[in-house]
Amino acid sequence: MHPNGIAIADFDNDGKPDVATANNYSISGEPASVSLLRNTGSGGLLSFAPHQEIRTGILTYAIAAGDLDGDGIRSYCPLIT
């Protein structure tokens, strides 16, 4: 994948920063997507679970994080065209 943007926030409300990337396309022809990497680290060590790929099917240029629905948990919002 070709990440175009990154957002770092606690997406699963476990107190650890997670990573989401906006991926425009892949060299193997896979469609555009958002990748989510959950932080599974503990004791100050940083590690991530295998990434989750959410296909958008269209160009994904950027991503932002914020509490979009007022539930106190950060969500991600990709910019797609």
N, C-alpha and C. Protein backbone atom coordinates (compact mmCIF):
# COMPACT_ATOMS: atom_id res chain seq x y z
N MET A 1 0.83 -1.18 0.00
CA MET A 1 0.00 0.00 0.00
C MET A 1 0.88 1.24 0.00
N HIS A 2 0.29 2.33 -0.39
CA HIS A 2 0.99 3.60 -0.43
C HIS A 2 0.29 4.57 0.52
N PRO A 3 0.72 4.62 1.78
CA PRO A 3 0.08 5.54 2.73
C PRO A 3 0.27 6.99 2.32
N ASN A 4 -0.82 7.73 2.33
CA ASN A 4 -0.78 9.16 2.03
C ASN A 4 -0.97 10.00 3.27
N GLY A 5 -1.55 9.44 4.30
CA GLY A 5 -1.82 10.19 5.51
C GLY A 5 -1.82 9.26 6.71
N ILE A 6 -1.65 9.86 7.89
CA ILE A 6 -1.62 9.07 9.12
C ILE A 6 -2.37 9.82 10.21
N ALA A 7 -3.07 9.07 11.04
CA ALA A 7 -3.72 9.63 12.22
C ALA A 7 -3.35 8.74 13.40
N ILE A 8 -2.98 9.35 14.51
CA ILE A 8 -2.61 8.62 15.72
C ILE A 8 -3.55 9.06 16.82
N ALA A 9 -4.29 8.08 17.36
CA ALA A 9 -5.25 8.37 18.43
C ALA A 9 -5.63 7.04 19.09
N ASP A 10 -6.27 7.10 20.22
CA ASP A 10 -6.74 5.91 20.93
C ASP A 10 -8.10 5.52 20.35
N PHE A 11 -8.11 4.76 19.26
CA PHE A 11 -9.34 4.42 18.56
C PHE A 11 -10.18 3.37 19.28
N ASP A 12 -9.57 2.53 20.13
CA ASP A 12 -10.32 1.47 20.81
C ASP A 12 -10.51 1.74 22.30
N ASN A 13 -10.18 2.95 22.74
CA ASN A 13 -10.43 3.40 24.12
C ASN A 13 -9.75 2.53 25.18
N ASP A 14 -8.53 2.06 24.87
CA ASP A 14 -7.78 1.27 25.86
C ASP A 14 -6.65 2.07 26.50
N GLY A 15 -6.55 3.37 26.18
CA GLY A 15 -5.54 4.22 26.77
C GLY A 15 -4.21 4.23 26.03
N LYS A 16 -4.10 3.50 24.92
CA LYS A 16 -2.86 3.44 24.15
C LYS A 16 -3.10 4.01 22.75
N PRO A 17 -2.14 4.76 22.20
CA PRO A 17 -2.33 5.33 20.87
C PRO A 17 -2.27 4.27 19.77
N ASP A 18 -3.25 4.30 18.91
CA ASP A 18 -3.32 3.41 17.75
C ASP A 18 -2.97 4.23 16.50
N VAL A 19 -2.80 3.56 15.37
CA VAL A 19 -2.41 4.22 14.13
C VAL A 19 -3.40 3.86 13.04
N ALA A 20 -3.81 4.85 12.27
CA ALA A 20 -4.63 4.63 11.08
C ALA A 20 -3.95 5.34 9.91
N THR A 21 -3.89 4.69 8.76
CA THR A 21 -3.30 5.31 7.58
C THR A 21 -4.29 5.32 6.43
N ALA A 22 -4.22 6.36 5.61
CA ALA A 22 -4.98 6.45 4.37
C ALA A 22 -4.08 5.94 3.26
N ASN A 23 -4.53 4.90 2.55
CA ASN A 23 -3.72 4.26 1.52
C ASN A 23 -4.36 4.51 0.16
N ASN A 24 -3.62 5.15 -0.73
CA ASN A 24 -4.17 5.52 -2.01
C ASN A 24 -4.38 4.32 -2.93
N TYR A 25 -3.39 3.45 -3.03
CA TYR A 25 -3.47 2.28 -3.91
C TYR A 25 -2.30 1.36 -3.59
N SER A 26 -2.25 0.21 -4.23
CA SER A 26 -1.11 -0.67 -4.07
C SER A 26 -0.52 -0.99 -5.43
N ILE A 27 0.74 -1.38 -5.46
CA ILE A 27 1.38 -1.71 -6.71
C ILE A 27 0.85 -3.03 -7.28
N SER A 28 0.18 -3.83 -6.45
CA SER A 28 -0.38 -5.10 -6.93
C SER A 28 -1.81 -4.95 -7.44
N GLY A 29 -2.32 -3.71 -7.48
CA GLY A 29 -3.65 -3.48 -8.02
C GLY A 29 -4.77 -3.52 -7.00
N GLU A 30 -4.44 -3.66 -5.71
CA GLU A 30 -5.47 -3.66 -4.67
C GLU A 30 -6.11 -2.28 -4.60
N PRO A 31 -7.39 -2.22 -4.26
CA PRO A 31 -8.06 -0.92 -4.18
C PRO A 31 -7.57 -0.11 -2.98
N ALA A 32 -7.89 1.17 -3.02
CA ALA A 32 -7.52 2.07 -1.91
C ALA A 32 -8.17 1.59 -0.62
N SER A 33 -7.57 2.00 0.51
CA SER A 33 -8.06 1.49 1.79
C SER A 33 -7.63 2.40 2.94
N VAL A 34 -8.10 2.04 4.11
CA VAL A 34 -7.62 2.59 5.37
C VAL A 34 -7.06 1.41 6.16
N SER A 35 -5.86 1.57 6.71
CA SER A 35 -5.27 0.53 7.56
C SER A 35 -5.36 0.98 9.01
N LEU A 36 -5.76 0.07 9.88
CA LEU A 36 -5.85 0.34 11.31
C LEU A 36 -4.91 -0.61 12.03
N LEU A 37 -4.00 -0.03 12.82
CA LEU A 37 -3.06 -0.82 13.61
C LEU A 37 -3.31 -0.53 15.08
N ARG A 38 -3.82 -1.54 15.79
CA ARG A 38 -4.11 -1.40 17.22
C ARG A 38 -2.84 -1.61 18.03
N ASN A 39 -2.57 -0.70 18.94
CA ASN A 39 -1.42 -0.77 19.82
C ASN A 39 -1.69 -1.84 20.88
N THR A 40 -0.85 -2.87 20.90
CA THR A 40 -0.98 -3.94 21.89
C THR A 40 0.17 -3.94 22.89
N GLY A 41 0.98 -2.89 22.85
CA GLY A 41 2.14 -2.81 23.73
C GLY A 41 1.75 -2.68 25.19
N SER A 42 2.71 -3.00 26.06
CA SER A 42 2.50 -2.83 27.50
C SER A 42 3.85 -2.58 28.15
N GLY A 43 3.82 -1.97 29.31
CA GLY A 43 5.05 -1.72 30.05
C GLY A 43 6.01 -0.79 29.34
N GLY A 44 5.49 0.12 28.53
CA GLY A 44 6.33 1.05 27.81
C GLY A 44 6.86 0.54 26.48
N LEU A 45 6.57 -0.73 26.15
CA LEU A 45 7.00 -1.29 24.87
C LEU A 45 5.92 -1.05 23.83
N LEU A 46 6.32 -0.72 22.63
CA LEU A 46 5.40 -0.44 21.54
C LEU A 46 5.31 -1.65 20.63
N SER A 47 4.10 -2.18 20.45
CA SER A 47 3.88 -3.25 19.49
C SER A 47 2.44 -3.13 18.98
N PHE A 48 2.19 -3.71 17.82
CA PHE A 48 0.89 -3.59 17.18
C PHE A 48 0.35 -4.94 16.77
N ALA A 49 -0.97 -5.09 16.83
CA ALA A 49 -1.64 -6.27 16.31
C ALA A 49 -1.54 -6.22 14.78
N PRO A 50 -1.75 -7.34 14.09
CA PRO A 50 -1.77 -7.29 12.62
C PRO A 50 -2.79 -6.25 12.15
N HIS A 51 -2.43 -5.55 11.09
CA HIS A 51 -3.29 -4.45 10.64
C HIS A 51 -4.62 -4.95 10.08
N GLN A 52 -5.63 -4.13 10.28
CA GLN A 52 -6.95 -4.37 9.69
C GLN A 52 -7.05 -3.49 8.47
N GLU A 53 -7.46 -4.05 7.37
CA GLU A 53 -7.57 -3.31 6.12
C GLU A 53 -9.04 -3.06 5.81
N ILE A 54 -9.41 -1.81 5.69
CA ILE A 54 -10.79 -1.44 5.37
C ILE A 54 -10.76 -0.81 3.99
N ARG A 55 -11.26 -1.53 3.01
CA ARG A 55 -11.19 -1.05 1.63
C ARG A 55 -12.21 0.05 1.38
N THR A 56 -11.74 1.12 0.77
CA THR A 56 -12.62 2.23 0.43
C THR A 56 -13.07 2.13 -1.03
N GLY A 57 -12.27 1.47 -1.85
CA GLY A 57 -12.61 1.29 -3.25
C GLY A 57 -12.35 2.50 -4.12
N ILE A 58 -12.04 3.62 -3.52
CA ILE A 58 -11.74 4.83 -4.27
C ILE A 58 -10.53 5.50 -3.64
N LEU A 59 -9.97 6.48 -4.32
CA LEU A 59 -8.75 7.12 -3.84
C LEU A 59 -8.93 7.68 -2.43
N THR A 60 -8.00 7.35 -1.57
CA THR A 60 -8.02 7.80 -0.18
C THR A 60 -6.77 8.64 0.06
N TYR A 61 -6.95 9.94 0.24
CA TYR A 61 -5.82 10.87 0.26
C TYR A 61 -5.34 11.27 1.64
N ALA A 62 -6.23 11.32 2.62
CA ALA A 62 -5.85 11.81 3.94
C ALA A 62 -6.74 11.16 4.99
N ILE A 63 -6.37 11.33 6.25
CA ILE A 63 -7.17 10.78 7.35
C ILE A 63 -7.00 11.70 8.56
N ALA A 64 -8.05 11.82 9.34
CA ALA A 64 -8.02 12.64 10.55
C ALA A 64 -8.70 11.88 11.67
N ALA A 65 -8.43 12.26 12.90
CA ALA A 65 -9.02 11.61 14.06
C ALA A 65 -9.69 12.64 14.94
N GLY A 66 -10.80 12.25 15.55
CA GLY A 66 -11.50 13.11 16.48
C GLY A 66 -12.74 12.40 17.00
N ASP A 67 -13.36 12.93 18.02
CA ASP A 67 -14.59 12.37 18.58
C ASP A 67 -15.76 12.85 17.71
N LEU A 68 -16.04 12.12 16.66
CA LEU A 68 -17.03 12.55 15.67
C LEU A 68 -18.47 12.42 16.13
N ASP A 69 -18.75 11.49 17.05
CA ASP A 69 -20.14 11.28 17.46
C ASP A 69 -20.41 11.60 18.93
N GLY A 70 -19.44 12.21 19.62
CA GLY A 70 -19.64 12.66 20.99
C GLY A 70 -19.68 11.56 22.03
N ASP A 71 -19.15 10.36 21.72
CA ASP A 71 -19.18 9.26 22.68
C ASP A 71 -17.92 9.18 23.54
N GLY A 72 -16.98 10.12 23.34
CA GLY A 72 -15.75 10.12 24.11
C GLY A 72 -14.65 9.24 23.54
N ILE A 73 -14.92 8.55 22.44
CA ILE A 73 -13.93 7.69 21.78
C ILE A 73 -13.56 8.32 20.45
N ARG A 74 -12.27 8.40 20.19
CA ARG A 74 -11.83 8.98 18.93
C ARG A 74 -12.17 8.05 17.77
N SER A 75 -12.63 8.64 16.70
CA SER A 75 -12.93 7.94 15.47
C SER A 75 -11.99 8.45 14.40
N TYR A 76 -11.89 7.72 13.29
CA TYR A 76 -11.09 8.22 12.18
C TYR A 76 -12.02 8.55 11.03
N CYS A 77 -11.61 9.51 10.23
CA CYS A 77 -12.40 9.96 9.10
C CYS A 77 -11.47 10.11 7.90
N PRO A 78 -11.58 9.21 6.91
CA PRO A 78 -10.72 9.34 5.72
C PRO A 78 -11.28 10.37 4.74
N LEU A 79 -10.39 11.02 4.01
CA LEU A 79 -10.78 11.91 2.93
C LEU A 79 -10.65 11.11 1.64
N ILE A 80 -11.78 10.85 1.00
CA ILE A 80 -11.78 10.07 -0.22
C ILE A 80 -12.39 10.88 -1.35
N THR A 81 -11.97 10.53 -2.57
CA THR A 81 -12.53 11.21 -3.75
C THR A 81 -12.98 10.21 -4.77
